[in-house]
Amino acid sequence: GITIFSEQANFKYNESEYYLIDTPGHIDFSPDMERAISIMDYAIVI
């Protein structure tokens, strides 16, 4: 019931094409999360 691996999806909205990167939330998988951060244009923090 937790995200362990970063995963991606893509969608279109209006005139833009989005790549959504879902990242692990547990501290033990933070290196994966940090690598994903390095390619983000914007981040959404929940």
PDB file of all heavy atoms in Angstrom:
ATOM      1  N   GLY A   1       0.804  -1.221   0.000  1.00  0.00           N
ATOM      2  CA  GLY A   1       0.000   0.000   0.000  1.00  0.00           C
ATOM      3  C   GLY A   1       0.835   1.268   0.000  1.00  0.00           C
ATOM      4  O   GLY A   1       0.366   2.327   0.420  1.00  0.00           O
ATOM      5  N   ILE A   2       2.111   1.174  -0.469  1.00  0.00           N
ATOM      6  CA  ILE A   2       2.974   2.351  -0.548  1.00  0.00           C
ATOM      7  C   ILE A   2       3.671   2.368  -1.907  1.00  0.00           C
ATOM      8  O   ILE A   2       3.821   1.328  -2.555  1.00  0.00           O
ATOM      9  CB  ILE A   2       4.044   2.392   0.565  1.00  0.00           C
ATOM     10  CG1 ILE A   2       4.958   1.163   0.485  1.00  0.00           C
ATOM     11  CG2 ILE A   2       3.395   2.499   1.935  1.00  0.00           C
ATOM     12  CD1 ILE A   2       6.145   1.214   1.427  1.00  0.00           C
ATOM     13  N   THR A   3       4.093   3.550  -2.334  1.00  0.00           N
ATOM     14  CA  THR A   3       4.863   3.675  -3.568  1.00  0.00           C
ATOM     15  C   THR A   3       6.328   3.362  -3.269  1.00  0.00           C
ATOM     16  O   THR A   3       6.933   3.972  -2.393  1.00  0.00           O
ATOM     17  CB  THR A   3       4.737   5.095  -4.146  1.00  0.00           C
ATOM     18  OG1 THR A   3       3.354   5.375  -4.381  1.00  0.00           O
ATOM     19  CG2 THR A   3       5.505   5.228  -5.451  1.00  0.00           C
ATOM     20  N   ILE A   4       6.874   2.416  -4.013  1.00  0.00           N
ATOM     21  CA  ILE A   4       8.255   1.980  -3.796  1.00  0.00           C
ATOM     22  C   ILE A   4       9.155   2.411  -4.946  1.00  0.00           C
ATOM     23  O   ILE A   4      10.324   2.731  -4.747  1.00  0.00           O
ATOM     24  CB  ILE A   4       8.308   0.448  -3.620  1.00  0.00           C
ATOM     25  CG1 ILE A   4       7.550   0.047  -2.349  1.00  0.00           C
ATOM     26  CG2 ILE A   4       9.743  -0.063  -3.562  1.00  0.00           C
ATOM     27  CD1 ILE A   4       7.307  -1.440  -2.212  1.00  0.00           C
ATOM     28  N   PHE A   5       8.596   2.438  -6.161  1.00  0.00           N
ATOM     29  CA  PHE A   5       9.380   2.790  -7.347  1.00  0.00           C
ATOM     30  C   PHE A   5       8.794   4.044  -7.996  1.00  0.00           C
ATOM     31  O   PHE A   5       7.568   4.193  -8.076  1.00  0.00           O
ATOM     32  CB  PHE A   5       9.361   1.648  -8.365  1.00  0.00           C
ATOM     33  CG  PHE A   5       9.673   0.305  -7.779  1.00  0.00           C
ATOM     34  CD1 PHE A   5       8.664  -0.598  -7.482  1.00  0.00           C
ATOM     35  CD2 PHE A   5      10.979  -0.057  -7.504  1.00  0.00           C
ATOM     36  CE1 PHE A   5       8.940  -1.839  -6.941  1.00  0.00           C
ATOM     37  CE2 PHE A   5      11.268  -1.297  -6.955  1.00  0.00           C
ATOM     38  CZ  PHE A   5      10.253  -2.194  -6.666  1.00  0.00           C
ATOM     39  N   SER A   6       9.656   4.932  -8.478  1.00  0.00           N
ATOM     40  CA  SER A   6       9.144   6.072  -9.233  1.00  0.00           C
ATOM     41  C   SER A   6       8.527   5.549 -10.532  1.00  0.00           C
ATOM     42  O   SER A   6       9.024   4.610 -11.140  1.00  0.00           O
ATOM     43  CB  SER A   6      10.268   7.067  -9.538  1.00  0.00           C
ATOM     44  OG  SER A   6      11.241   6.488 -10.372  1.00  0.00           O
ATOM     45  N   GLU A   7       7.432   6.150 -10.916  1.00  0.00           N
ATOM     46  CA  GLU A   7       6.725   5.714 -12.121  1.00  0.00           C
ATOM     47  C   GLU A   7       6.206   6.946 -12.845  1.00  0.00           C
ATOM     48  O   GLU A   7       6.038   8.009 -12.235  1.00  0.00           O
ATOM     49  CB  GLU A   7       5.573   4.782 -11.737  1.00  0.00           C
ATOM     50  CG  GLU A   7       5.049   3.936 -12.869  1.00  0.00           C
ATOM     51  CD  GLU A   7       6.076   2.993 -13.473  1.00  0.00           C
ATOM     52  OE1 GLU A   7       6.295   1.905 -12.908  1.00  0.00           O
ATOM     53  OE2 GLU A   7       6.666   3.371 -14.506  1.00  0.00           O
ATOM     54  N   GLN A   8       5.940   6.817 -14.143  1.00  0.00           N
ATOM     55  CA  GLN A   8       5.507   7.985 -14.900  1.00  0.00           C
ATOM     56  C   GLN A   8       4.236   7.722 -15.689  1.00  0.00           C
ATOM     57  O   GLN A   8       3.893   6.593 -16.017  1.00  0.00           O
ATOM     58  CB  GLN A   8       6.603   8.466 -15.833  1.00  0.00           C
ATOM     59  CG  GLN A   8       6.861   7.591 -17.044  1.00  0.00           C
ATOM     60  CD  GLN A   8       8.023   8.113 -17.873  1.00  0.00           C
ATOM     61  OE1 GLN A   8       9.155   8.173 -17.415  1.00  0.00           O
ATOM     62  NE2 GLN A   8       7.743   8.495 -19.113  1.00  0.00           N
ATOM     63  N   ALA A   9       3.545   8.812 -15.973  1.00  0.00           N
ATOM     64  CA  ALA A   9       2.374   8.802 -16.849  1.00  0.00           C
ATOM     65  C   ALA A   9       2.432  10.081 -17.664  1.00  0.00           C
ATOM     66  O   ALA A   9       3.185  11.006 -17.340  1.00  0.00           O
ATOM     67  CB  ALA A   9       1.082   8.729 -16.040  1.00  0.00           C
ATOM     68  N   ASN A  10       1.657  10.145 -18.730  1.00  0.00           N
ATOM     69  CA  ASN A  10       1.595  11.401 -19.476  1.00  0.00           C
ATOM     70  C   ASN A  10       0.155  11.723 -19.837  1.00  0.00           C
ATOM     71  O   ASN A  10      -0.679  10.829 -20.009  1.00  0.00           O
ATOM     72  CB  ASN A  10       2.503  11.374 -20.707  1.00  0.00           C
ATOM     73  CG  ASN A  10       2.196  10.235 -21.648  1.00  0.00           C
ATOM     74  OD1 ASN A  10       1.179  10.238 -22.318  1.00  0.00           O
ATOM     75  ND2 ASN A  10       3.080   9.240 -21.696  1.00  0.00           N
ATOM     76  N   PHE A  11      -0.130  13.014 -19.896  1.00  0.00           N
ATOM     77  CA  PHE A  11      -1.480  13.462 -20.254  1.00  0.00           C
ATOM     78  C   PHE A  11      -1.401  14.822 -20.927  1.00  0.00           C
ATOM     79  O   PHE A  11      -0.381  15.528 -20.848  1.00  0.00           O
ATOM     80  CB  PHE A  11      -2.393  13.513 -19.028  1.00  0.00           C
ATOM     81  CG  PHE A  11      -1.952  14.464 -17.948  1.00  0.00           C
ATOM     82  CD1 PHE A  11      -2.310  15.809 -17.988  1.00  0.00           C
ATOM     83  CD2 PHE A  11      -1.206  14.018 -16.865  1.00  0.00           C
ATOM     84  CE1 PHE A  11      -1.928  16.685 -16.980  1.00  0.00           C
ATOM     85  CE2 PHE A  11      -0.809  14.888 -15.856  1.00  0.00           C
ATOM     86  CZ  PHE A  11      -1.173  16.229 -15.914  1.00  0.00           C
ATOM     87  N   LYS A  12      -2.463  15.180 -21.612  1.00  0.00           N
ATOM     88  CA  LYS A  12      -2.545  16.481 -22.264  1.00  0.00           C
ATOM     89  C   LYS A  12      -3.639  17.304 -21.607  1.00  0.00           C
ATOM     90  O   LYS A  12      -4.685  16.783 -21.213  1.00  0.00           O
ATOM     91  CB  LYS A  12      -2.824  16.311 -23.758  1.00  0.00           C
ATOM     92  CG  LYS A  12      -1.668  15.671 -24.513  1.00  0.00           C
ATOM     93  CD  LYS A  12      -1.945  15.570 -26.001  1.00  0.00           C
ATOM     94  CE  LYS A  12      -0.747  14.947 -26.728  1.00  0.00           C
ATOM     95  NZ  LYS A  12      -0.981  14.803 -28.181  1.00  0.00           N
ATOM     96  N   TYR A  13      -3.384  18.594 -21.499  1.00  0.00           N
ATOM     97  CA  TYR A  13      -4.371  19.511 -20.938  1.00  0.00           C
ATOM     98  C   TYR A  13      -4.213  20.850 -21.652  1.00  0.00           C
ATOM     99  O   TYR A  13      -3.120  21.424 -21.660  1.00  0.00           O
ATOM    100  CB  TYR A  13      -4.170  19.677 -19.437  1.00  0.00           C
ATOM    101  CG  TYR A  13      -5.274  20.465 -18.763  1.00  0.00           C
ATOM    102  CD1 TYR A  13      -6.439  19.835 -18.350  1.00  0.00           C
ATOM    103  CD2 TYR A  13      -5.147  21.835 -18.570  1.00  0.00           C
ATOM    104  CE1 TYR A  13      -7.461  20.547 -17.737  1.00  0.00           C
ATOM    105  CE2 TYR A  13      -6.169  22.559 -17.962  1.00  0.00           C
ATOM    106  CZ  TYR A  13      -7.314  21.909 -17.550  1.00  0.00           C
ATOM    107  OH  TYR A  13      -8.334  22.628 -16.965  1.00  0.00           O
ATOM    108  N   ASN A  14      -5.290  21.314 -22.239  1.00  0.00           N
ATOM    109  CA  ASN A  14      -5.242  22.515 -23.075  1.00  0.00           C
ATOM    110  C   ASN A  14      -4.146  22.364 -24.124  1.00  0.00           C
ATOM    111  O   ASN A  14      -4.135  21.408 -24.864  1.00  0.00           O
ATOM    112  CB  ASN A  14      -5.064  23.771 -22.227  1.00  0.00           C
ATOM    113  CG  ASN A  14      -6.321  24.088 -21.418  1.00  0.00           C
ATOM    114  OD1 ASN A  14      -7.422  23.651 -21.782  1.00  0.00           O
ATOM    115  ND2 ASN A  14      -6.171  24.820 -20.348  1.00  0.00           N
ATOM    116  N   GLU A  15      -3.193  23.270 -24.145  1.00  0.00           N
ATOM    117  CA  GLU A  15      -2.147  23.229 -25.167  1.00  0.00           C
ATOM    118  C   GLU A  15      -0.854  22.579 -24.675  1.00  0.00           C
ATOM    119  O   GLU A  15       0.155  22.612 -25.379  1.00  0.00           O
ATOM    120  CB  GLU A  15      -1.826  24.664 -25.647  1.00  0.00           C
ATOM    121  CG  GLU A  15      -3.015  25.419 -26.203  1.00  0.00           C
ATOM    122  CD  GLU A  15      -3.648  24.691 -27.387  1.00  0.00           C
ATOM    123  OE1 GLU A  15      -2.887  24.226 -28.267  1.00  0.00           O
ATOM    124  OE2 GLU A  15      -4.883  24.571 -27.426  1.00  0.00           O
ATOM    125  N   SER A  16      -0.871  22.018 -23.476  1.00  0.00           N
ATOM    126  CA  SER A  16       0.362  21.475 -22.888  1.00  0.00           C
ATOM    127  C   SER A  16       0.323  19.954 -22.785  1.00  0.00           C
ATOM    128  O   SER A  16      -0.733  19.346 -22.618  1.00  0.00           O
ATOM    129  CB  SER A  16       0.601  22.071 -21.498  1.00  0.00           C
ATOM    130  OG  SER A  16       0.915  23.443 -21.590  1.00  0.00           O
ATOM    131  N   GLU A  17       1.512  19.364 -22.882  1.00  0.00           N
ATOM    132  CA  GLU A  17       1.686  17.937 -22.679  1.00  0.00           C
ATOM    133  C   GLU A  17       2.470  17.731 -21.389  1.00  0.00           C
ATOM    134  O   GLU A  17       3.550  18.299 -21.221  1.00  0.00           O
ATOM    135  CB  GLU A  17       2.437  17.327 -23.861  1.00  0.00           C
ATOM    136  CG  GLU A  17       2.536  15.814 -23.793  1.00  0.00           C
ATOM    137  CD  GLU A  17       3.134  15.211 -25.050  1.00  0.00           C
ATOM    138  OE1 GLU A  17       3.301  15.957 -26.044  1.00  0.00           O
ATOM    139  OE2 GLU A  17       3.447  14.008 -25.035  1.00  0.00           O
ATOM    140  N   TYR A  18       1.913  16.933 -20.490  1.00  0.00           N
ATOM    141  CA  TYR A  18       2.490  16.755 -19.159  1.00  0.00           C
ATOM    142  C   TYR A  18       3.074  15.358 -18.989  1.00  0.00           C
ATOM    143  O   TYR A  18       2.483  14.365 -19.423  1.00  0.00           O
ATOM    144  CB  TYR A  18       1.426  16.972 -18.083  1.00  0.00           C
ATOM    145  CG  TYR A  18       1.008  18.403 -17.905  1.00  0.00           C
ATOM    146  CD1 TYR A  18       0.027  18.972 -18.722  1.00  0.00           C
ATOM    147  CD2 TYR A  18       1.583  19.197 -16.923  1.00  0.00           C
ATOM    148  CE1 TYR A  18      -0.359  20.295 -18.565  1.00  0.00           C
ATOM    149  CE2 TYR A  18       1.201  20.513 -16.751  1.00  0.00           C
ATOM    150  CZ  TYR A  18       0.236  21.054 -17.579  1.00  0.00           C
ATOM    151  OH  TYR A  18      -0.135  22.368 -17.418  1.00  0.00           O
ATOM    152  N   TYR A  19       4.233  15.311 -18.338  1.00  0.00           N
ATOM    153  CA  TYR A  19       4.806  14.058 -17.861  1.00  0.00           C
ATOM    154  C   TYR A  19       4.734  14.084 -16.344  1.00  0.00           C
ATOM    155  O   TYR A  19       5.345  14.941 -15.703  1.00  0.00           O
ATOM    156  CB  TYR A  19       6.250  13.904 -18.335  1.00  0.00           C
ATOM    157  CG  TYR A  19       6.346  13.668 -19.816  1.00  0.00           C
ATOM    158  CD1 TYR A  19       6.537  14.729 -20.691  1.00  0.00           C
ATOM    159  CD2 TYR A  19       6.209  12.384 -20.346  1.00  0.00           C
ATOM    160  CE1 TYR A  19       6.598  14.514 -22.061  1.00  0.00           C
ATOM    161  CE2 TYR A  19       6.277  12.162 -21.704  1.00  0.00           C
ATOM    162  CZ  TYR A  19       6.467  13.233 -22.561  1.00  0.00           C
ATOM    163  OH  TYR A  19       6.523  13.020 -23.918  1.00  0.00           O
ATOM    164  N   LEU A  20       3.966  13.168 -15.793  1.00  0.00           N
ATOM    165  CA  LEU A  20       3.774  13.097 -14.349  1.00  0.00           C
ATOM    166  C   LEU A  20       4.708  12.027 -13.787  1.00  0.00           C
ATOM    167  O   LEU A  20       4.700  10.885 -14.239  1.00  0.00           O
ATOM    168  CB  LEU A  20       2.319  12.776 -14.031  1.00  0.00           C
ATOM    169  CG  LEU A  20       1.897  12.714 -12.563  1.00  0.00           C
ATOM    170  CD1 LEU A  20       0.418  13.070 -12.432  1.00  0.00           C
ATOM    171  CD2 LEU A  20       2.131  11.334 -11.952  1.00  0.00           C
ATOM    172  N   ILE A  21       5.529  12.407 -12.811  1.00  0.00           N
ATOM    173  CA  ILE A  21       6.449  11.467 -12.159  1.00  0.00           C
ATOM    174  C   ILE A  21       5.983  11.255 -10.721  1.00  0.00           C
ATOM    175  O   ILE A  21       6.030  12.177  -9.900  1.00  0.00           O
ATOM    176  CB  ILE A  21       7.904  12.001 -12.151  1.00  0.00           C
ATOM    177  CG1 ILE A  21       8.325  12.465 -13.547  1.00  0.00           C
ATOM    178  CG2 ILE A  21       8.845  10.933 -11.607  1.00  0.00           C
ATOM    179  CD1 ILE A  21       8.445  11.379 -14.567  1.00  0.00           C
ATOM    180  N   ASP A  22       5.507  10.058 -10.438  1.00  0.00           N
ATOM    181  CA  ASP A  22       5.095   9.696  -9.082  1.00  0.00           C
ATOM    182  C   ASP A  22       6.296   9.126  -8.353  1.00  0.00           C
ATOM    183  O   ASP A  22       7.002   8.257  -8.878  1.00  0.00           O
ATOM    184  CB  ASP A  22       3.971   8.661  -9.146  1.00  0.00           C
ATOM    185  CG  ASP A  22       3.435   8.309  -7.770  1.00  0.00           C
ATOM    186  OD1 ASP A  22       3.544   9.148  -6.856  1.00  0.00           O
ATOM    187  OD2 ASP A  22       2.909   7.189  -7.613  1.00  0.00           O
ATOM    188  N   THR A  23       6.573   9.613  -7.147  1.00  0.00           N
ATOM    189  CA  THR A  23       7.805   9.234  -6.441  1.00  0.00           C
ATOM    190  C   THR A  23       7.499   8.500  -5.136  1.00  0.00           C
ATOM    191  O   THR A  23       6.432   8.681  -4.545  1.00  0.00           O
ATOM    192  CB  THR A  23       8.650  10.477  -6.108  1.00  0.00           C
ATOM    193  OG1 THR A  23       7.932  11.300  -5.183  1.00  0.00           O
ATOM    194  CG2 THR A  23       8.963  11.275  -7.370  1.00  0.00           C
ATOM    195  N   PRO A  24       8.450   7.688  -4.655  1.00  0.00           N
ATOM    196  CA  PRO A  24       8.260   6.999  -3.368  1.00  0.00           C
ATOM    197  C   PRO A  24       8.173   8.007  -2.219  1.00  0.00           C
ATOM    198  O   PRO A  24       8.850   9.037  -2.223  1.00  0.00           O
ATOM    199  CB  PRO A  24       9.522   6.138  -3.228  1.00  0.00           C
ATOM    200  CG  PRO A  24      10.082   6.024  -4.606  1.00  0.00           C
ATOM    201  CD  PRO A  24       9.711   7.295  -5.295  1.00  0.00           C
ATOM    202  N   GLY A  25       7.358   7.664  -1.220  1.00  0.00           N
ATOM    203  CA  GLY A  25       7.193   8.559  -0.081  1.00  0.00           C
ATOM    204  C   GLY A  25       7.919   8.107   1.169  1.00  0.00           C
ATOM    205  O   GLY A  25       8.028   8.875   2.124  1.00  0.00           O
ATOM    206  N   HIS A  26       8.430   6.869   1.155  1.00  0.00           N
ATOM    207  CA  HIS A  26       9.119   6.352   2.348  1.00  0.00           C
ATOM    208  C   HIS A  26      10.589   6.718   2.286  1.00  0.00           C
ATOM    209  O   HIS A  26      11.234   6.659   1.237  1.00  0.00           O
ATOM    210  CB  HIS A  26       8.946   4.834   2.434  1.00  0.00           C
ATOM    211  CG  HIS A  26       9.303   4.267   3.776  1.00  0.00           C
ATOM    212  ND1 HIS A  26      10.609   4.087   4.180  1.00  0.00           N
ATOM    213  CD2 HIS A  26       8.534   3.853   4.824  1.00  0.00           C
ATOM    214  CE1 HIS A  26      10.628   3.576   5.400  1.00  0.00           C
ATOM    215  NE2 HIS A  26       9.388   3.427   5.810  1.00  0.00           N
ATOM    216  N   ILE A  27      11.155   7.060   3.433  1.00  0.00           N
ATOM    217  CA  ILE A  27      12.543   7.502   3.531  1.00  0.00           C
ATOM    218  C   ILE A  27      13.518   6.456   2.986  1.00  0.00           C
ATOM    219  O   ILE A  27      14.569   6.798   2.433  1.00  0.00           O
ATOM    220  CB  ILE A  27      12.900   7.846   5.004  1.00  0.00           C
ATOM    221  CG1 ILE A  27      14.301   8.470   5.100  1.00  0.00           C
ATOM    222  CG2 ILE A  27      12.779   6.621   5.888  1.00  0.00           C
ATOM    223  CD1 ILE A  27      14.407   9.837   4.566  1.00  0.00           C
ATOM    224  N   ASP A  28      13.189   5.166   3.092  1.00  0.00           N
ATOM    225  CA  ASP A  28      14.100   4.116   2.639  1.00  0.00           C
ATOM    226  C   ASP A  28      14.291   4.109   1.126  1.00  0.00           C
ATOM    227  O   ASP A  28      15.240   3.498   0.618  1.00  0.00           O
ATOM    228  CB  ASP A  28      13.607   2.742   3.089  1.00  0.00           C
ATOM    229  CG  ASP A  28      14.016   2.428   4.520  1.00  0.00           C
ATOM    230  OD1 ASP A  28      14.398   3.370   5.244  1.00  0.00           O
ATOM    231  OD2 ASP A  28      13.954   1.253   4.918  1.00  0.00           O
ATOM    232  N   PHE A  29      13.386   4.781   0.400  1.00  0.00           N
ATOM    233  CA  PHE A  29      13.478   4.797  -1.059  1.00  0.00           C
ATOM    234  C   PHE A  29      13.738   6.212  -1.590  1.00  0.00           C
ATOM    235  O   PHE A  29      13.439   6.531  -2.737  1.00  0.00           O
ATOM    236  CB  PHE A  29      12.194   4.213  -1.656  1.00  0.00           C
ATOM    237  CG  PHE A  29      11.835   2.880  -1.054  1.00  0.00           C
ATOM    238  CD1 PHE A  29      10.804   2.775  -0.130  1.00  0.00           C
ATOM    239  CD2 PHE A  29      12.569   1.748  -1.360  1.00  0.00           C
ATOM    240  CE1 PHE A  29      10.504   1.562   0.465  1.00  0.00           C
ATOM    241  CE2 PHE A  29      12.276   0.533  -0.776  1.00  0.00           C
ATOM    242  CZ  PHE A  29      11.242   0.437   0.139  1.00  0.00           C
ATOM    243  N   SER A  30      14.345   7.024  -0.727  1.00  0.00           N
ATOM    244  CA  SER A  30      14.606   8.418  -1.070  1.00  0.00           C
ATOM    245  C   SER A  30      15.589   8.622  -2.219  1.00  0.00           C
ATOM    246  O   SER A  30      15.457   9.600  -2.957  1.00  0.00           O
ATOM    247  CB  SER A  30      15.091   9.184   0.163  1.00  0.00           C
ATOM    248  OG  SER A  30      14.069   9.268   1.122  1.00  0.00           O
ATOM    249  N   PRO A  31      16.618   7.763  -2.406  1.00  0.00           N
ATOM    250  CA  PRO A  31      17.499   7.985  -3.555  1.00  0.00           C
ATOM    251  C   PRO A  31      16.750   7.991  -4.887  1.00  0.00           C
ATOM    252  O   PRO A  31      17.047   8.801  -5.770  1.00  0.00           O
ATOM    253  CB  PRO A  31      18.488   6.814  -3.468  1.00  0.00           C
ATOM    254  CG  PRO A  31      18.559   6.502  -2.002  1.00  0.00           C
ATOM    255  CD  PRO A  31      17.140   6.695  -1.522  1.00  0.00           C
ATOM    256  N   ASP A  32      15.775   7.097  -5.035  1.00  0.00           N
ATOM    257  CA  ASP A  32      14.948   7.062  -6.247  1.00  0.00           C
ATOM    258  C   ASP A  32      14.181   8.369  -6.389  1.00  0.00           C
ATOM    259  O   ASP A  32      14.105   8.969  -7.473  1.00  0.00           O
ATOM    260  CB  ASP A  32      13.989   5.868  -6.164  1.00  0.00           C
ATOM    261  CG  ASP A  32      13.260   5.608  -7.477  1.00  0.00           C
ATOM    262  OD1 ASP A  32      13.476   6.363  -8.437  1.00  0.00           O
ATOM    263  OD2 ASP A  32      12.472   4.649  -7.540  1.00  0.00           O
ATOM    264  N   MET A  33      13.613   8.831  -5.286  1.00  0.00           N
ATOM    265  CA  MET A  33      12.876  10.098  -5.284  1.00  0.00           C
ATOM    266  C   MET A  33      13.777  11.264  -5.670  1.00  0.00           C
ATOM    267  O   MET A  33      13.409  12.125  -6.483  1.00  0.00           O
ATOM    268  CB  MET A  33      12.260  10.326  -3.905  1.00  0.00           C
ATOM    269  CG  MET A  33      11.530  11.633  -3.719  1.00  0.00           C
ATOM    270  SD  MET A  33      12.574  12.909  -2.959  1.00  0.00           S
ATOM    271  CE  MET A  33      12.770  12.261  -1.311  1.00  0.00           C
ATOM    272  N   GLU A  34      14.997  11.286  -5.120  1.00  0.00           N
ATOM    273  CA  GLU A  34      15.901  12.398  -5.409  1.00  0.00           C
ATOM    274  C   GLU A  34      16.335  12.405  -6.873  1.00  0.00           C
ATOM    275  O   GLU A  34      16.451  13.464  -7.492  1.00  0.00           O
ATOM    276  CB  GLU A  34      17.124  12.336  -4.502  1.00  0.00           C
ATOM    277  CG  GLU A  34      18.036  13.531  -4.664  1.00  0.00           C
ATOM    278  CD  GLU A  34      19.187  13.570  -3.682  1.00  0.00           C
ATOM    279  OE1 GLU A  34      19.256  12.701  -2.799  1.00  0.00           O
ATOM    280  OE2 GLU A  34      20.023  14.489  -3.803  1.00  0.00           O
ATOM    281  N   ARG A  35      16.565  11.228  -7.445  1.00  0.00           N
ATOM    282  CA  ARG A  35      16.926  11.175  -8.870  1.00  0.00           C
ATOM    283  C   ARG A  35      15.797  11.704  -9.741  1.00  0.00           C
ATOM    284  O   ARG A  35      16.035  12.382 -10.742  1.00  0.00           O
ATOM    285  CB  ARG A  35      17.296   9.744  -9.267  1.00  0.00           C
ATOM    286  CG  ARG A  35      18.597   9.264  -8.678  1.00  0.00           C
ATOM    287  CD  ARG A  35      19.046   7.963  -9.341  1.00  0.00           C
ATOM    288  NE  ARG A  35      18.097   6.882  -9.104  1.00  0.00           N
ATOM    289  CZ  ARG A  35      18.154   6.057  -8.061  1.00  0.00           C
ATOM    290  NH1 ARG A  35      19.102   6.194  -7.159  1.00  0.00           N
ATOM    291  NH2 ARG A  35      17.276   5.092  -7.922  1.00  0.00           N
ATOM    292  N   ALA A  36      14.567  11.402  -9.366  1.00  0.00           N
ATOM    293  CA  ALA A  36      13.416  11.888 -10.125  1.00  0.00           C
ATOM    294  C   ALA A  36      13.312  13.412 -10.036  1.00  0.00           C
ATOM    295  O   ALA A  36      12.962  14.085 -11.015  1.00  0.00           O
ATOM    296  CB  ALA A  36      12.134  11.228  -9.614  1.00  0.00           C
ATOM    297  N   ILE A  37      13.627  13.965  -8.869  1.00  0.00           N
ATOM    298  CA  ILE A  37      13.580  15.417  -8.693  1.00  0.00           C
ATOM    299  C   ILE A  37      14.473  16.121  -9.711  1.00  0.00           C
ATOM    300  O   ILE A  37      14.153  17.198 -10.216  1.00  0.00           O
ATOM    301  CB  ILE A  37      13.995  15.797  -7.256  1.00  0.00           C
ATOM    302  CG1 ILE A  37      12.863  15.468  -6.273  1.00  0.00           C
ATOM    303  CG2 ILE A  37      14.358  17.281  -7.147  1.00  0.00           C
ATOM    304  CD1 ILE A  37      13.216  15.702  -4.817  1.00  0.00           C
ATOM    305  N   SER A  38      15.595  15.489 -10.048  1.00  0.00           N
ATOM    306  CA  SER A  38      16.582  16.138 -10.913  1.00  0.00           C
ATOM    307  C   SER A  38      16.074  16.396 -12.328  1.00  0.00           C
ATOM    308  O   SER A  38      16.711  17.139 -13.076  1.00  0.00           O
ATOM    309  CB  SER A  38      17.862  15.294 -10.968  1.00  0.00           C
ATOM    310  OG  SER A  38      17.653  14.102 -11.707  1.00  0.00           O
ATOM    311  N   ILE A  39      14.944  15.798 -12.736  1.00  0.00           N
ATOM    312  CA  ILE A  39      14.422  16.038 -14.090  1.00  0.00           C
ATOM    313  C   ILE A  39      13.097  16.807 -14.075  1.00  0.00           C
ATOM    314  O   ILE A  39      12.493  17.021 -15.129  1.00  0.00           O
ATOM    315  CB  ILE A  39      14.243  14.724 -14.874  1.00  0.00           C
ATOM    316  CG1 ILE A  39      13.153  13.848 -14.229  1.00  0.00           C
ATOM    317  CG2 ILE A  39      15.556  13.980 -14.996  1.00  0.00           C
ATOM    318  CD1 ILE A  39      12.575  12.822 -15.157  1.00  0.00           C
ATOM    319  N   MET A  40      12.645  17.240 -12.915  1.00  0.00           N
ATOM    320  CA  MET A  40      11.340  17.902 -12.821  1.00  0.00           C
ATOM    321  C   MET A  40      11.406  19.366 -13.237  1.00  0.00           C
ATOM    322  O   MET A  40      12.357  20.072 -12.939  1.00  0.00           O
ATOM    323  CB  MET A  40      10.806  17.816 -11.384  1.00  0.00           C
ATOM    324  CG  MET A  40      10.488  16.419 -10.917  1.00  0.00           C
ATOM    325  SD  MET A  40       9.971  16.401  -9.166  1.00  0.00           S
ATOM    326  CE  MET A  40       9.895  14.622  -8.877  1.00  0.00           C
ATOM    327  N   ASP A  41      10.352  19.810 -13.933  1.00  0.00           N
ATOM    328  CA  ASP A  41      10.183  21.239 -14.216  1.00  0.00           C
ATOM    329  C   ASP A  41       9.452  21.922 -13.060  1.00  0.00           C
ATOM    330  O   ASP A  41       9.748  23.075 -12.730  1.00  0.00           O
ATOM    331  CB  ASP A  41       9.383  21.436 -15.507  1.00  0.00           C
ATOM    332  CG  ASP A  41      10.117  20.904 -16.722  1.00  0.00           C
ATOM    333  OD1 ASP A  41      11.338  21.126 -16.813  1.00  0.00           O
ATOM    334  OD2 ASP A  41       9.476  20.246 -17.572  1.00  0.00           O
ATOM    335  N   TYR A  42       8.488  21.220 -12.492  1.00  0.00           N
ATOM    336  CA  TYR A  42       7.742  21.705 -11.327  1.00  0.00           C
ATOM    337  C   TYR A  42       7.459  20.522 -10.415  1.00  0.00           C
ATOM    338  O   TYR A  42       7.357  19.380 -10.872  1.00  0.00           O
ATOM    339  CB  TYR A  42       6.405  22.345 -11.737  1.00  0.00           C
ATOM    340  CG  TYR A  42       6.547  23.663 -12.446  1.00  0.00           C
ATOM    341  CD1 TYR A  42       6.744  23.721 -13.823  1.00  0.00           C
ATOM    342  CD2 TYR A  42       6.479  24.872 -11.747  1.00  0.00           C
ATOM    343  CE1 TYR A  42       6.879  24.932 -14.493  1.00  0.00           C
ATOM    344  CE2 TYR A  42       6.604  26.094 -12.400  1.00  0.00           C
ATOM    345  CZ  TYR A  42       6.812  26.112 -13.765  1.00  0.00           C
ATOM    346  OH  TYR A  42       6.944  27.318 -14.416  1.00  0.00           O
ATOM    347  N   ALA A  43       7.355  20.801  -9.123  1.00  0.00           N
ATOM    348  CA  ALA A  43       7.039  19.760  -8.147  1.00  0.00           C
ATOM    349  C   ALA A  43       5.748  20.107  -7.427  1.00  0.00           C
ATOM    350  O   ALA A  43       5.484  21.278  -7.131  1.00  0.00           O
ATOM    351  CB  ALA A  43       8.172  19.615  -7.134  1.00  0.00           C
ATOM    352  N   ILE A  44       4.956  19.080  -7.157  1.00  0.00           N
ATOM    353  CA  ILE A  44       3.739  19.230  -6.366  1.00  0.00           C
ATOM    354  C   ILE A  44       3.948  18.448  -5.067  1.00  0.00           C
ATOM    355  O   ILE A  44       4.153  17.231  -5.097  1.00  0.00           O
ATOM    356  CB  ILE A  44       2.508  18.695  -7.116  1.00  0.00           C
ATOM    357  CG1 ILE A  44       2.314  19.464  -8.427  1.00  0.00           C
ATOM    358  CG2 ILE A  44       1.260  18.795  -6.244  1.00  0.00           C
ATOM    359  CD1 ILE A  44       1.384  18.782  -9.400  1.00  0.00           C
ATOM    360  N   VAL A  45       3.931  19.149  -3.967  1.00  0.00           N
ATOM    361  CA  VAL A  45       4.124  18.520  -2.659  1.00  0.00           C
ATOM    362  C   VAL A  45       2.766  18.394  -1.970  1.00  0.00           C
ATOM    363  O   VAL A  45       2.075  19.395  -1.778  1.00  0.00           O
ATOM    364  CB  VAL A  45       5.090  19.334  -1.781  1.00  0.00           C
ATOM    365  CG1 VAL A  45       5.205  18.713  -0.389  1.00  0.00           C
ATOM    366  CG2 VAL A  45       6.474  19.399  -2.430  1.00  0.00           C
ATOM    367  N   ILE A  46       2.400  17.159  -1.637  1.00  0.00           N
ATOM    368  CA  ILE A  46       1.129  16.900  -0.968  1.00  0.00           C
ATOM    369  C   ILE A  46       1.357  16.905   0.542  1.00  0.00           C
ATOM    370  O   ILE A  46       2.251  16.229   1.049  1.00  0.00           O
ATOM    371  CB  ILE A  46       0.543  15.533  -1.385  1.00  0.00           C
ATOM    372  CG1 ILE A  46       0.582  15.352  -2.908  1.00  0.00           C
ATOM    373  CG2 ILE A  46      -0.876  15.372  -0.843  1.00  0.00           C
ATOM    374  CD1 ILE A  46      -0.247  16.346  -3.670  1.00  0.00           C
TER     375      ILE A  46
END
